[in-house]
PDB file of all heavy atoms in Angstrom:
ATOM      1  N   VAL A   1       4.182   6.470   9.274  1.00  0.00           N
ATOM      2  CA  VAL A   1       4.556   7.874   9.406  1.00  0.00           C
ATOM      3  C   VAL A   1       3.906   8.768   8.344  1.00  0.00           C
ATOM      4  O   VAL A   1       3.369   9.799   8.655  1.00  0.00           O
ATOM      5  CB  VAL A   1       6.083   8.055   9.375  1.00  0.00           C
ATOM      6  CG1 VAL A   1       6.485   9.532   9.417  1.00  0.00           C
ATOM      7  CG2 VAL A   1       6.756   7.300  10.556  1.00  0.00           C
ATOM      8  N   VAL A   2       3.941   8.306   7.080  1.00  0.00           N
ATOM      9  CA  VAL A   2       3.472   9.120   6.007  1.00  0.00           C
ATOM     10  C   VAL A   2       2.289   8.563   5.208  1.00  0.00           C
ATOM     11  O   VAL A   2       1.822   9.144   4.302  1.00  0.00           O
ATOM     12  CB  VAL A   2       4.640   9.422   5.008  1.00  0.00           C
ATOM     13  CG1 VAL A   2       5.728  10.176   5.700  1.00  0.00           C
ATOM     14  CG2 VAL A   2       5.116   8.181   4.315  1.00  0.00           C
ATOM     15  N   GLY A   3       1.853   7.395   5.621  1.00  0.00           N
ATOM     16  CA  GLY A   3       0.760   6.737   4.853  1.00  0.00           C
ATOM     17  C   GLY A   3      -0.561   7.446   4.883  1.00  0.00           C
ATOM     18  O   GLY A   3      -1.404   7.204   4.009  1.00  0.00           O
ATOM     19  N   SER A   4      -0.729   8.398   5.794  1.00  0.00           N
ATOM     20  CA  SER A   4      -1.976   9.171   5.860  1.00  0.00           C
ATOM     21  C   SER A   4      -1.657  10.673   5.796  1.00  0.00           C
ATOM     22  O   SER A   4      -2.338  11.484   6.389  1.00  0.00           O
ATOM     23  CB  SER A   4      -2.760   8.869   7.095  1.00  0.00           C
ATOM     24  OG  SER A   4      -3.102   7.494   7.166  1.00  0.00           O
ATOM     25  N   ALA A   5      -0.592  11.000   5.069  1.00  0.00           N
ATOM     26  CA  ALA A   5      -0.193  12.364   4.934  1.00  0.00           C
ATOM     27  C   ALA A   5      -1.235  13.202   4.185  1.00  0.00           C
ATOM     28  O   ALA A   5      -2.117  12.662   3.590  1.00  0.00           O
ATOM     29  CB  ALA A   5       1.181  12.469   4.215  1.00  0.00           C
ATOM     30  N   PRO A   6      -1.090  14.535   4.241  1.00  0.00           N
ATOM     31  CA  PRO A   6      -2.108  15.422   3.546  1.00  0.00           C
ATOM     32  C   PRO A   6      -2.260  15.076   2.108  1.00  0.00           C
ATOM     33  O   PRO A   6      -1.411  14.480   1.446  1.00  0.00           O
ATOM     34  CB  PRO A   6      -1.496  16.796   3.708  1.00  0.00           C
ATOM     35  CG  PRO A   6      -0.686  16.727   4.963  1.00  0.00           C
ATOM     36  CD  PRO A   6      -0.094  15.351   4.964  1.00  0.00           C
ATOM     37  N   LEU A   7      -3.425  15.389   1.544  1.00  0.00           N
ATOM     38  CA  LEU A   7      -3.768  15.000   0.176  1.00  0.00           C
ATOM     39  C   LEU A   7      -2.861  15.609  -0.869  1.00  0.00           C
ATOM     40  O   LEU A   7      -2.830  15.177  -2.019  1.00  0.00           O
ATOM     41  CB  LEU A   7      -5.229  15.437  -0.136  1.00  0.00           C
ATOM     42  CG  LEU A   7      -6.305  14.672   0.644  1.00  0.00           C
ATOM     43  CD1 LEU A   7      -7.684  15.231   0.277  1.00  0.00           C
ATOM     44  CD2 LEU A   7      -6.261  13.187   0.341  1.00  0.00           C
ATOM     45  N   ALA A   8      -2.073  16.645  -0.482  1.00  0.00           N
ATOM     46  CA  ALA A   8      -1.123  17.222  -1.420  1.00  0.00           C
ATOM     47  C   ALA A   8      -0.127  16.204  -1.901  1.00  0.00           C
ATOM     48  O   ALA A   8       0.431  16.290  -2.987  1.00  0.00           O
ATOM     49  CB  ALA A   8      -0.412  18.390  -0.746  1.00  0.00           C
ATOM     50  N   ASN A   9       0.082  15.163  -1.092  1.00  0.00           N
ATOM     51  CA  ASN A   9       1.035  14.121  -1.435  1.00  0.00           C
ATOM     52  C   ASN A   9       0.286  12.805  -1.802  1.00  0.00           C
ATOM     53  O   ASN A   9       0.874  11.750  -1.806  1.00  0.00           O
ATOM     54  CB  ASN A   9       1.905  13.813  -0.242  1.00  0.00           C
ATOM     55  CG  ASN A   9       2.924  14.917   0.025  1.00  0.00           C
ATOM     56  OD1 ASN A   9       3.529  15.469  -0.926  1.00  0.00           O
ATOM     57  ND2 ASN A   9       3.154  15.237   1.271  1.00  0.00           N
ATOM     58  N   ALA A  10      -0.958  12.925  -2.225  1.00  0.00           N
ATOM     59  CA  ALA A  10      -1.751  11.719  -2.461  1.00  0.00           C
ATOM     60  C   ALA A  10      -1.150  10.791  -3.471  1.00  0.00           C
ATOM     61  O   ALA A  10      -1.093   9.596  -3.269  1.00  0.00           O
ATOM     62  CB  ALA A  10      -3.160  12.161  -2.927  1.00  0.00           C
ATOM     63  N   ASN A  11      -0.646  11.289  -4.614  1.00  0.00           N
ATOM     64  CA  ASN A  11      -0.059  10.415  -5.614  1.00  0.00           C
ATOM     65  C   ASN A  11       1.121   9.639  -5.137  1.00  0.00           C
ATOM     66  O   ASN A  11       1.311   8.457  -5.373  1.00  0.00           O
ATOM     67  CB  ASN A  11       0.308  11.246  -6.881  1.00  0.00           C
ATOM     68  CG  ASN A  11      -0.902  11.725  -7.651  1.00  0.00           C
ATOM     69  OD1 ASN A  11      -1.982  11.121  -7.548  1.00  0.00           O
ATOM     70  ND2 ASN A  11      -0.751  12.788  -8.381  1.00  0.00           N
ATOM     71  N   LYS A  12       2.052  10.361  -4.356  1.00  0.00           N
ATOM     72  CA  LYS A  12       3.183   9.736  -3.823  1.00  0.00           C
ATOM     73  C   LYS A  12       2.863   8.664  -2.814  1.00  0.00           C
ATOM     74  O   LYS A  12       3.473   7.610  -2.714  1.00  0.00           O
ATOM     75  CB  LYS A  12       4.165  10.750  -3.241  1.00  0.00           C
ATOM     76  CG  LYS A  12       4.724  11.723  -4.259  1.00  0.00           C
ATOM     77  CD  LYS A  12       5.642  12.773  -3.647  1.00  0.00           C
ATOM     78  CE  LYS A  12       6.195  13.705  -4.676  1.00  0.00           C
ATOM     79  NZ  LYS A  12       7.031  14.760  -4.071  1.00  0.00           N
ATOM     80  N   ILE A  13       1.842   8.972  -1.998  1.00  0.00           N
ATOM     81  CA  ILE A  13       1.438   8.024  -0.997  1.00  0.00           C
ATOM     82  C   ILE A  13       0.806   6.801  -1.618  1.00  0.00           C
ATOM     83  O   ILE A  13       1.032   5.643  -1.190  1.00  0.00           O
ATOM     84  CB  ILE A  13       0.429   8.674  -0.012  1.00  0.00           C
ATOM     85  CG1 ILE A  13       1.121   9.803   0.813  1.00  0.00           C
ATOM     86  CG2 ILE A  13      -0.180   7.649   0.959  1.00  0.00           C
ATOM     87  CD1 ILE A  13       0.182  10.698   1.529  1.00  0.00           C
ATOM     88  N   ASN A  14       0.029   6.980  -2.696  1.00  0.00           N
ATOM     89  CA  ASN A  14      -0.562   5.872  -3.405  1.00  0.00           C
ATOM     90  C   ASN A  14       0.575   4.951  -3.944  1.00  0.00           C
ATOM     91  O   ASN A  14       0.488   3.704  -3.857  1.00  0.00           O
ATOM     92  CB  ASN A  14      -1.419   6.337  -4.582  1.00  0.00           C
ATOM     93  CG  ASN A  14      -2.694   6.999  -4.128  1.00  0.00           C
ATOM     94  OD1 ASN A  14      -3.086   6.843  -2.978  1.00  0.00           O
ATOM     95  ND2 ASN A  14      -3.345   7.724  -5.022  1.00  0.00           N
ATOM     96  N   GLN A  15       1.613   5.559  -4.477  1.00  0.00           N
ATOM     97  CA  GLN A  15       2.713   4.812  -5.013  1.00  0.00           C
ATOM     98  C   GLN A  15       3.417   4.029  -3.926  1.00  0.00           C
ATOM     99  O   GLN A  15       3.818   2.843  -4.160  1.00  0.00           O
ATOM    100  CB  GLN A  15       3.715   5.748  -5.673  1.00  0.00           C
ATOM    101  CG  GLN A  15       3.225   6.373  -6.948  1.00  0.00           C
ATOM    102  CD  GLN A  15       4.118   7.467  -7.494  1.00  0.00           C
ATOM    103  OE1 GLN A  15       5.211   7.621  -7.051  1.00  0.00           O
ATOM    104  NE2 GLN A  15       3.638   8.200  -8.525  1.00  0.00           N
ATOM    105  N   LEU A  16       3.541   4.613  -2.735  1.00  0.00           N
ATOM    106  CA  LEU A  16       4.151   3.906  -1.631  1.00  0.00           C
ATOM    107  C   LEU A  16       3.340   2.668  -1.208  1.00  0.00           C
ATOM    108  O   LEU A  16       3.898   1.591  -1.037  1.00  0.00           O
ATOM    109  CB  LEU A  16       4.351   4.857  -0.410  1.00  0.00           C
ATOM    110  CG  LEU A  16       5.031   4.288   0.791  1.00  0.00           C
ATOM    111  CD1 LEU A  16       6.449   3.843   0.488  1.00  0.00           C
ATOM    112  CD2 LEU A  16       5.059   5.350   1.933  1.00  0.00           C
ATOM    113  N   TRP A  17       2.005   2.899  -1.048  1.00  0.00           N
ATOM    114  CA  TRP A  17       1.153   1.762  -0.717  1.00  0.00           C
ATOM    115  C   TRP A  17       1.181   0.644  -1.827  1.00  0.00           C
ATOM    116  O   TRP A  17       1.195  -0.547  -1.486  1.00  0.00           O
ATOM    117  CB  TRP A  17      -0.274   2.228  -0.488  1.00  0.00           C
ATOM    118  CG  TRP A  17      -0.513   2.763   0.880  1.00  0.00           C
ATOM    119  CD1 TRP A  17      -0.704   4.112   1.221  1.00  0.00           C
ATOM    120  CD2 TRP A  17      -0.632   2.076   2.123  1.00  0.00           C
ATOM    121  NE1 TRP A  17      -0.866   4.228   2.573  1.00  0.00           N
ATOM    122  CE2 TRP A  17      -0.859   3.019   3.163  1.00  0.00           C
ATOM    123  CE3 TRP A  17      -0.575   0.699   2.460  1.00  0.00           C
ATOM    124  CZ2 TRP A  17      -1.014   2.623   4.456  1.00  0.00           C
ATOM    125  CZ3 TRP A  17      -0.734   0.329   3.781  1.00  0.00           C
ATOM    126  CH2 TRP A  17      -0.966   1.281   4.760  1.00  0.00           C
ATOM    127  N   ASN A  18       1.196   1.102  -3.052  1.00  0.00           N
ATOM    128  CA  ASN A  18       1.207   0.118  -4.157  1.00  0.00           C
ATOM    129  C   ASN A  18       2.538  -0.623  -4.158  1.00  0.00           C
ATOM    130  O   ASN A  18       2.589  -1.842  -4.498  1.00  0.00           O
ATOM    131  CB  ASN A  18       0.927   0.826  -5.488  1.00  0.00           C
ATOM    132  CG  ASN A  18      -0.499   1.076  -5.739  1.00  0.00           C
ATOM    133  OD1 ASN A  18      -1.324   0.166  -5.635  1.00  0.00           O
ATOM    134  ND2 ASN A  18      -0.885   2.306  -6.067  1.00  0.00           N
ATOM    135  N   SER A  19       3.585   0.077  -3.839  1.00  0.00           N
ATOM    136  CA  SER A  19       4.905  -0.562  -3.740  1.00  0.00           C
ATOM    137  C   SER A  19       4.909  -1.675  -2.672  1.00  0.00           C
ATOM    138  O   SER A  19       5.483  -2.769  -2.873  1.00  0.00           O
ATOM    139  CB  SER A  19       5.983   0.459  -3.493  1.00  0.00           C
ATOM    140  OG  SER A  19       7.252  -0.127  -3.389  1.00  0.00           O
ATOM    141  N   LEU A  20       4.347  -1.338  -1.565  1.00  0.00           N
ATOM    142  CA  LEU A  20       4.213  -2.350  -0.457  1.00  0.00           C
ATOM    143  C   LEU A  20       3.376  -3.530  -0.899  1.00  0.00           C
ATOM    144  O   LEU A  20       3.746  -4.664  -0.673  1.00  0.00           O
ATOM    145  CB  LEU A  20       3.543  -1.674   0.794  1.00  0.00           C
ATOM    146  CG  LEU A  20       3.144  -2.636   1.929  1.00  0.00           C
ATOM    147  CD1 LEU A  20       4.364  -3.435   2.425  1.00  0.00           C
ATOM    148  CD2 LEU A  20       2.547  -1.849   3.067  1.00  0.00           C
ATOM    149  N   LEU A  21       2.275  -3.232  -1.576  1.00  0.00           N
ATOM    150  CA  LEU A  21       1.429  -4.384  -2.082  1.00  0.00           C
ATOM    151  C   LEU A  21       2.203  -5.206  -3.058  1.00  0.00           C
ATOM    152  O   LEU A  21       2.107  -6.456  -3.006  1.00  0.00           O
ATOM    153  CB  LEU A  21       0.155  -3.781  -2.741  1.00  0.00           C
ATOM    154  CG  LEU A  21      -0.815  -4.831  -3.305  1.00  0.00           C
ATOM    155  CD1 LEU A  21      -1.254  -5.819  -2.256  1.00  0.00           C
ATOM    156  CD2 LEU A  21      -2.003  -4.134  -4.003  1.00  0.00           C
ATOM    157  N   ARG A  22       2.990  -4.632  -3.986  1.00  0.00           N
ATOM    158  CA  ARG A  22       3.743  -5.412  -4.957  1.00  0.00           C
ATOM    159  C   ARG A  22       4.729  -6.244  -4.218  1.00  0.00           C
ATOM    160  O   ARG A  22       4.970  -7.410  -4.571  1.00  0.00           O
ATOM    161  CB  ARG A  22       4.458  -4.473  -5.936  1.00  0.00           C
ATOM    162  CG  ARG A  22       3.586  -3.952  -7.017  1.00  0.00           C
ATOM    163  CD  ARG A  22       4.417  -3.372  -8.164  1.00  0.00           C
ATOM    164  NE  ARG A  22       5.280  -2.286  -7.687  1.00  0.00           N
ATOM    165  CZ  ARG A  22       4.922  -1.042  -7.584  1.00  0.00           C
ATOM    166  NH1 ARG A  22       3.699  -0.661  -7.890  1.00  0.00           N
ATOM    167  NH2 ARG A  22       5.806  -0.114  -7.171  1.00  0.00           N
ATOM    168  N   PHE A  23       5.335  -5.686  -3.177  1.00  0.00           N
ATOM    169  CA  PHE A  23       6.335  -6.507  -2.387  1.00  0.00           C
ATOM    170  C   PHE A  23       5.664  -7.718  -1.820  1.00  0.00           C
ATOM    171  O   PHE A  23       6.211  -8.854  -1.845  1.00  0.00           O
ATOM    172  CB  PHE A  23       6.966  -5.621  -1.338  1.00  0.00           C
ATOM    173  CG  PHE A  23       7.784  -6.402  -0.340  1.00  0.00           C
ATOM    174  CD1 PHE A  23       9.051  -6.860  -0.685  1.00  0.00           C
ATOM    175  CD2 PHE A  23       7.285  -6.720   0.940  1.00  0.00           C
ATOM    176  CE1 PHE A  23       9.809  -7.595   0.213  1.00  0.00           C
ATOM    177  CE2 PHE A  23       8.045  -7.447   1.855  1.00  0.00           C
ATOM    178  CZ  PHE A  23       9.323  -7.877   1.485  1.00  0.00           C
ATOM    179  N   GLU A  24       4.500  -7.528  -1.160  1.00  0.00           N
ATOM    180  CA  GLU A  24       3.797  -8.649  -0.519  1.00  0.00           C
ATOM    181  C   GLU A  24       3.329  -9.686  -1.558  1.00  0.00           C
ATOM    182  O   GLU A  24       3.349 -10.864  -1.286  1.00  0.00           O
ATOM    183  CB  GLU A  24       2.655  -8.123   0.309  1.00  0.00           C
ATOM    184  CG  GLU A  24       3.006  -7.169   1.460  1.00  0.00           C
ATOM    185  CD  GLU A  24       3.824  -7.851   2.542  1.00  0.00           C
ATOM    186  OE1 GLU A  24       4.192  -9.054   2.421  1.00  0.00           O
ATOM    187  OE2 GLU A  24       4.123  -7.188   3.571  1.00  0.00           O
ATOM    188  N   LEU A  25       2.930  -9.210  -2.745  1.00  0.00           N
ATOM    189  CA  LEU A  25       2.429 -10.119  -3.772  1.00  0.00           C
ATOM    190  C   LEU A  25       3.568 -10.900  -4.438  1.00  0.00           C
ATOM    191  O   LEU A  25       3.468 -12.103  -4.651  1.00  0.00           O
ATOM    192  CB  LEU A  25       1.658  -9.322  -4.853  1.00  0.00           C
ATOM    193  CG  LEU A  25       0.235  -8.880  -4.502  1.00  0.00           C
ATOM    194  CD1 LEU A  25      -0.262  -7.902  -5.532  1.00  0.00           C
ATOM    195  CD2 LEU A  25      -0.701 -10.097  -4.418  1.00  0.00           C
ATOM    196  N   GLU A  26       4.664 -10.168  -4.794  1.00  0.00           N
ATOM    197  CA  GLU A  26       5.674 -10.776  -5.635  1.00  0.00           C
ATOM    198  C   GLU A  26       6.855 -11.352  -4.876  1.00  0.00           C
ATOM    199  O   GLU A  26       7.484 -12.301  -5.369  1.00  0.00           O
ATOM    200  CB  GLU A  26       6.163  -9.736  -6.633  1.00  0.00           C
ATOM    201  CG  GLU A  26       5.053  -9.182  -7.523  1.00  0.00           C
ATOM    202  CD  GLU A  26       5.532  -8.018  -8.348  1.00  0.00           C
ATOM    203  OE1 GLU A  26       6.758  -7.672  -8.323  1.00  0.00           O
ATOM    204  OE2 GLU A  26       4.677  -7.392  -9.020  1.00  0.00           O
ATOM    205  N   VAL A  27       7.129 -10.869  -3.669  1.00  0.00           N
ATOM    206  CA  VAL A  27       8.329 -11.274  -2.970  1.00  0.00           C
ATOM    207  C   VAL A  27       7.940 -12.138  -1.729  1.00  0.00           C
ATOM    208  O   VAL A  27       8.265 -13.287  -1.658  1.00  0.00           O
ATOM    209  CB  VAL A  27       9.203 -10.110  -2.489  1.00  0.00           C
ATOM    210  CG1 VAL A  27      10.440 -10.644  -1.752  1.00  0.00           C
ATOM    211  CG2 VAL A  27       9.615  -9.282  -3.700  1.00  0.00           C
ATOM    212  N   SER A  28       7.133 -11.526  -0.819  1.00  0.00           N
ATOM    213  CA  SER A  28       6.775 -12.345   0.337  1.00  0.00           C
ATOM    214  C   SER A  28       5.782 -13.399   0.066  1.00  0.00           C
ATOM    215  O   SER A  28       5.757 -14.488   0.626  1.00  0.00           O
ATOM    216  CB  SER A  28       6.255 -11.378   1.482  1.00  0.00           C
ATOM    217  OG  SER A  28       4.904 -11.046   1.239  1.00  0.00           O
ATOM    218  N   LYS A  29       4.853 -13.078  -0.919  1.00  0.00           N
ATOM    219  CA  LYS A  29       3.767 -13.998  -1.243  1.00  0.00           C
ATOM    220  C   LYS A  29       3.017 -14.520  -0.034  1.00  0.00           C
ATOM    221  O   LYS A  29       2.643 -15.660   0.083  1.00  0.00           O
ATOM    222  CB  LYS A  29       4.312 -15.199  -2.027  1.00  0.00           C
ATOM    223  CG  LYS A  29       5.021 -14.721  -3.353  1.00  0.00           C
ATOM    224  CD  LYS A  29       5.606 -15.909  -4.116  1.00  0.00           C
ATOM    225  CE  LYS A  29       6.298 -15.396  -5.390  1.00  0.00           C
ATOM    226  NZ  LYS A  29       6.910 -16.519  -6.204  1.00  0.00           N
ATOM    227  N   ASP A  30       2.795 -13.585   0.907  1.00  0.00           N
ATOM    228  CA  ASP A  30       2.122 -13.832   2.116  1.00  0.00           C
ATOM    229  C   ASP A  30       0.653 -13.428   2.024  1.00  0.00           C
ATOM    230  O   ASP A  30       0.334 -12.216   1.989  1.00  0.00           O
ATOM    231  CB  ASP A  30       2.810 -13.100   3.270  1.00  0.00           C
ATOM    232  CG  ASP A  30       2.234 -13.451   4.649  1.00  0.00           C
ATOM    233  OD1 ASP A  30       1.017 -13.695   4.744  1.00  0.00           O
ATOM    234  OD2 ASP A  30       2.995 -13.503   5.607  1.00  0.00           O
ATOM    235  N   ALA A  31      -0.262 -14.356   1.891  1.00  0.00           N
ATOM    236  CA  ALA A  31      -1.667 -14.026   1.682  1.00  0.00           C
ATOM    237  C   ALA A  31      -2.240 -13.188   2.823  1.00  0.00           C
ATOM    238  O   ALA A  31      -3.089 -12.326   2.532  1.00  0.00           O
ATOM    239  CB  ALA A  31      -2.450 -15.330   1.540  1.00  0.00           C
ATOM    240  N   THR A  32      -1.803 -13.407   4.023  1.00  0.00           N
ATOM    241  CA  THR A  32      -2.334 -12.666   5.154  1.00  0.00           C
ATOM    242  C   THR A  32      -1.969 -11.197   5.033  1.00  0.00           C
ATOM    243  O   THR A  32      -2.773 -10.264   5.244  1.00  0.00           O
ATOM    244  CB  THR A  32      -1.830 -13.250   6.516  1.00  0.00           C
ATOM    245  OG1 THR A  32      -2.192 -14.613   6.626  1.00  0.00           O
ATOM    246  CG2 THR A  32      -2.337 -12.412   7.682  1.00  0.00           C
ATOM    247  N   GLN A  33      -0.675 -10.945   4.674  1.00  0.00           N
ATOM    248  CA  GLN A  33      -0.190  -9.577   4.524  1.00  0.00           C
ATOM    249  C   GLN A  33      -0.896  -8.894   3.336  1.00  0.00           C
ATOM    250  O   GLN A  33      -1.230  -7.752   3.395  1.00  0.00           O
ATOM    251  CB  GLN A  33       1.296  -9.547   4.310  1.00  0.00           C
ATOM    252  CG  GLN A  33       2.097 -10.075   5.528  1.00  0.00           C
ATOM    253  CD  GLN A  33       1.999  -9.168   6.706  1.00  0.00           C
ATOM    254  OE1 GLN A  33       1.804  -7.958   6.572  1.00  0.00           O
ATOM    255  NE2 GLN A  33       2.154  -9.706   7.900  1.00  0.00           N
ATOM    256  N   VAL A  34      -1.050  -9.625   2.253  1.00  0.00           N
ATOM    257  CA  VAL A  34      -1.752  -9.085   1.061  1.00  0.00           C
ATOM    258  C   VAL A  34      -3.170  -8.674   1.447  1.00  0.00           C
ATOM    259  O   VAL A  34      -3.633  -7.585   1.069  1.00  0.00           O
ATOM    260  CB  VAL A  34      -1.747 -10.118  -0.099  1.00  0.00           C
ATOM    261  CG1 VAL A  34      -2.657  -9.578  -1.225  1.00  0.00           C
ATOM    262  CG2 VAL A  34      -0.372 -10.351  -0.593  1.00  0.00           C
ATOM    263  N   ALA A  35      -3.857  -9.544   2.175  1.00  0.00           N
ATOM    264  CA  ALA A  35      -5.245  -9.242   2.573  1.00  0.00           C
ATOM    265  C   ALA A  35      -5.321  -8.041   3.461  1.00  0.00           C
ATOM    266  O   ALA A  35      -6.323  -7.309   3.434  1.00  0.00           O
ATOM    267  CB  ALA A  35      -5.822 -10.465   3.285  1.00  0.00           C
ATOM    268  N   GLU A  36      -4.295  -7.824   4.227  1.00  0.00           N
ATOM    269  CA  GLU A  36      -4.248  -6.664   5.139  1.00  0.00           C
ATOM    270  C   GLU A  36      -3.990  -5.381   4.391  1.00  0.00           C
ATOM    271  O   GLU A  36      -4.604  -4.316   4.691  1.00  0.00           O
ATOM    272  CB  GLU A  36      -3.159  -6.842   6.218  1.00  0.00           C
ATOM    273  CG  GLU A  36      -3.129  -5.744   7.230  1.00  0.00           C
ATOM    274  CD  GLU A  36      -2.072  -6.046   8.303  1.00  0.00           C
ATOM    275  OE1 GLU A  36      -1.819  -7.214   8.578  1.00  0.00           O
ATOM    276  OE2 GLU A  36      -1.502  -5.088   8.829  1.00  0.00           O
ATOM    277  N   VAL A  37      -3.134  -5.427   3.353  1.00  0.00           N
ATOM    278  CA  VAL A  37      -2.723  -4.257   2.634  1.00  0.00           C
ATOM    279  C   VAL A  37      -3.747  -3.823   1.573  1.00  0.00           C
ATOM    280  O   VAL A  37      -4.010  -2.652   1.343  1.00  0.00           O
ATOM    281  CB  VAL A  37      -1.360  -4.423   1.997  1.00  0.00           C
ATOM    282  CG1 VAL A  37      -0.981  -3.240   1.093  1.00  0.00           C
ATOM    283  CG2 VAL A  37      -0.294  -4.595   3.038  1.00  0.00           C
ATOM    284  N   CYS A  38      -4.367  -4.807   0.934  1.00  0.00           N
ATOM    285  CA  CYS A  38      -5.325  -4.528  -0.212  1.00  0.00           C
ATOM    286  C   CYS A  38      -6.398  -3.503   0.117  1.00  0.00           C
ATOM    287  O   CYS A  38      -6.608  -2.591  -0.682  1.00  0.00           O
ATOM    288  CB  CYS A  38      -5.907  -5.848  -0.707  1.00  0.00           C
ATOM    289  SG  CYS A  38      -5.013  -6.606  -2.049  1.00  0.00           S
ATOM    290  N   PRO A  39      -7.098  -3.622   1.224  1.00  0.00           N
ATOM    291  CA  PRO A  39      -8.164  -2.670   1.467  1.00  0.00           C
ATOM    292  C   PRO A  39      -7.669  -1.248   1.625  1.00  0.00           C
ATOM    293  O   PRO A  39      -8.302  -0.287   1.191  1.00  0.00           O
ATOM    294  CB  PRO A  39      -8.770  -3.141   2.819  1.00  0.00           C
ATOM    295  CG  PRO A  39      -8.416  -4.585   2.888  1.00  0.00           C
ATOM    296  CD  PRO A  39      -7.074  -4.690   2.240  1.00  0.00           C
ATOM    297  N   VAL A  40      -6.453  -1.092   2.177  1.00  0.00           N
ATOM    298  CA  VAL A  40      -5.871   0.217   2.343  1.00  0.00           C
ATOM    299  C   VAL A  40      -5.504   0.843   0.949  1.00  0.00           C
ATOM    300  O   VAL A  40      -5.749   1.982   0.700  1.00  0.00           O
ATOM    301  CB  VAL A  40      -4.626   0.204   3.267  1.00  0.00           C
ATOM    302  CG1 VAL A  40      -4.099   1.634   3.425  1.00  0.00           C
ATOM    303  CG2 VAL A  40      -4.973  -0.428   4.598  1.00  0.00           C
ATOM    304  N   VAL A  41      -4.951  -0.015   0.128  1.00  0.00           N
ATOM    305  CA  VAL A  41      -4.586   0.425  -1.252  1.00  0.00           C
ATOM    306  C   VAL A  41      -5.831   0.804  -1.975  1.00  0.00           C
ATOM    307  O   VAL A  41      -5.879   1.873  -2.687  1.00  0.00           O
ATOM    308  CB  VAL A  41      -3.849  -0.670  -2.011  1.00  0.00           C
ATOM    309  CG1 VAL A  41      -3.626  -0.263  -3.458  1.00  0.00           C
ATOM    310  CG2 VAL A  41      -2.500  -0.993  -1.367  1.00  0.00           C
ATOM    311  N   SER A  42      -6.889   0.052  -1.852  1.00  0.00           N
ATOM    312  CA  SER A  42      -8.190   0.383  -2.530  1.00  0.00           C
ATOM    313  C   SER A  42      -8.725   1.688  -1.995  1.00  0.00           C
ATOM    314  O   SER A  42      -9.253   2.494  -2.742  1.00  0.00           O
ATOM    315  CB  SER A  42      -9.214  -0.764  -2.291  1.00  0.00           C
ATOM    316  OG  SER A  42      -8.757  -1.948  -2.846  1.00  0.00           O
ATOM    317  N   LEU A  43      -8.574   1.903  -0.711  1.00  0.00           N
ATOM    318  CA  LEU A  43      -9.084   3.128  -0.081  1.00  0.00           C
ATOM    319  C   LEU A  43      -8.386   4.364  -0.640  1.00  0.00           C
ATOM    320  O   LEU A  43      -8.994   5.344  -1.010  1.00  0.00           O
ATOM    321  CB  LEU A  43      -8.894   3.093   1.452  1.00  0.00           C
ATOM    322  CG  LEU A  43      -9.331   4.353   2.222  1.00  0.00           C
ATOM    323  CD1 LEU A  43     -10.813   4.590   2.070  1.00  0.00           C
ATOM    324  CD2 LEU A  43      -8.978   4.164   3.702  1.00  0.00           C
ATOM    325  N   HIS A  44      -7.044   4.244  -0.772  1.00  0.00           N
ATOM    326  CA  HIS A  44      -6.269   5.371  -1.303  1.00  0.00           C
ATOM    327  C   HIS A  44      -6.547   5.543  -2.792  1.00  0.00           C
ATOM    328  O   HIS A  44      -6.556   6.684  -3.292  1.00  0.00           O
ATOM    329  CB  HIS A  44      -4.772   5.109  -1.062  1.00  0.00           C
ATOM    330  CG  HIS A  44      -4.319   5.422   0.353  1.00  0.00           C
ATOM    331  ND1 HIS A  44      -3.882   6.688   0.700  1.00  0.00           N
ATOM    332  CD2 HIS A  44      -4.326   4.687   1.451  1.00  0.00           C
ATOM    333  CE1 HIS A  44      -3.567   6.687   1.949  1.00  0.00           C
ATOM    334  NE2 HIS A  44      -3.846   5.490   2.465  1.00  0.00           N
TER     335      HIS A  44
END
């Protein structure tokens, strides 16, 4: 819903994507999910 919101919210969106990445790295520890999220985090 908000992952590609206007750039006015860029910092908050980056934090949301990074929070998702931390969850996948530290809690789920699912390499497939991490690989899927990482490029998007890098893009943002």
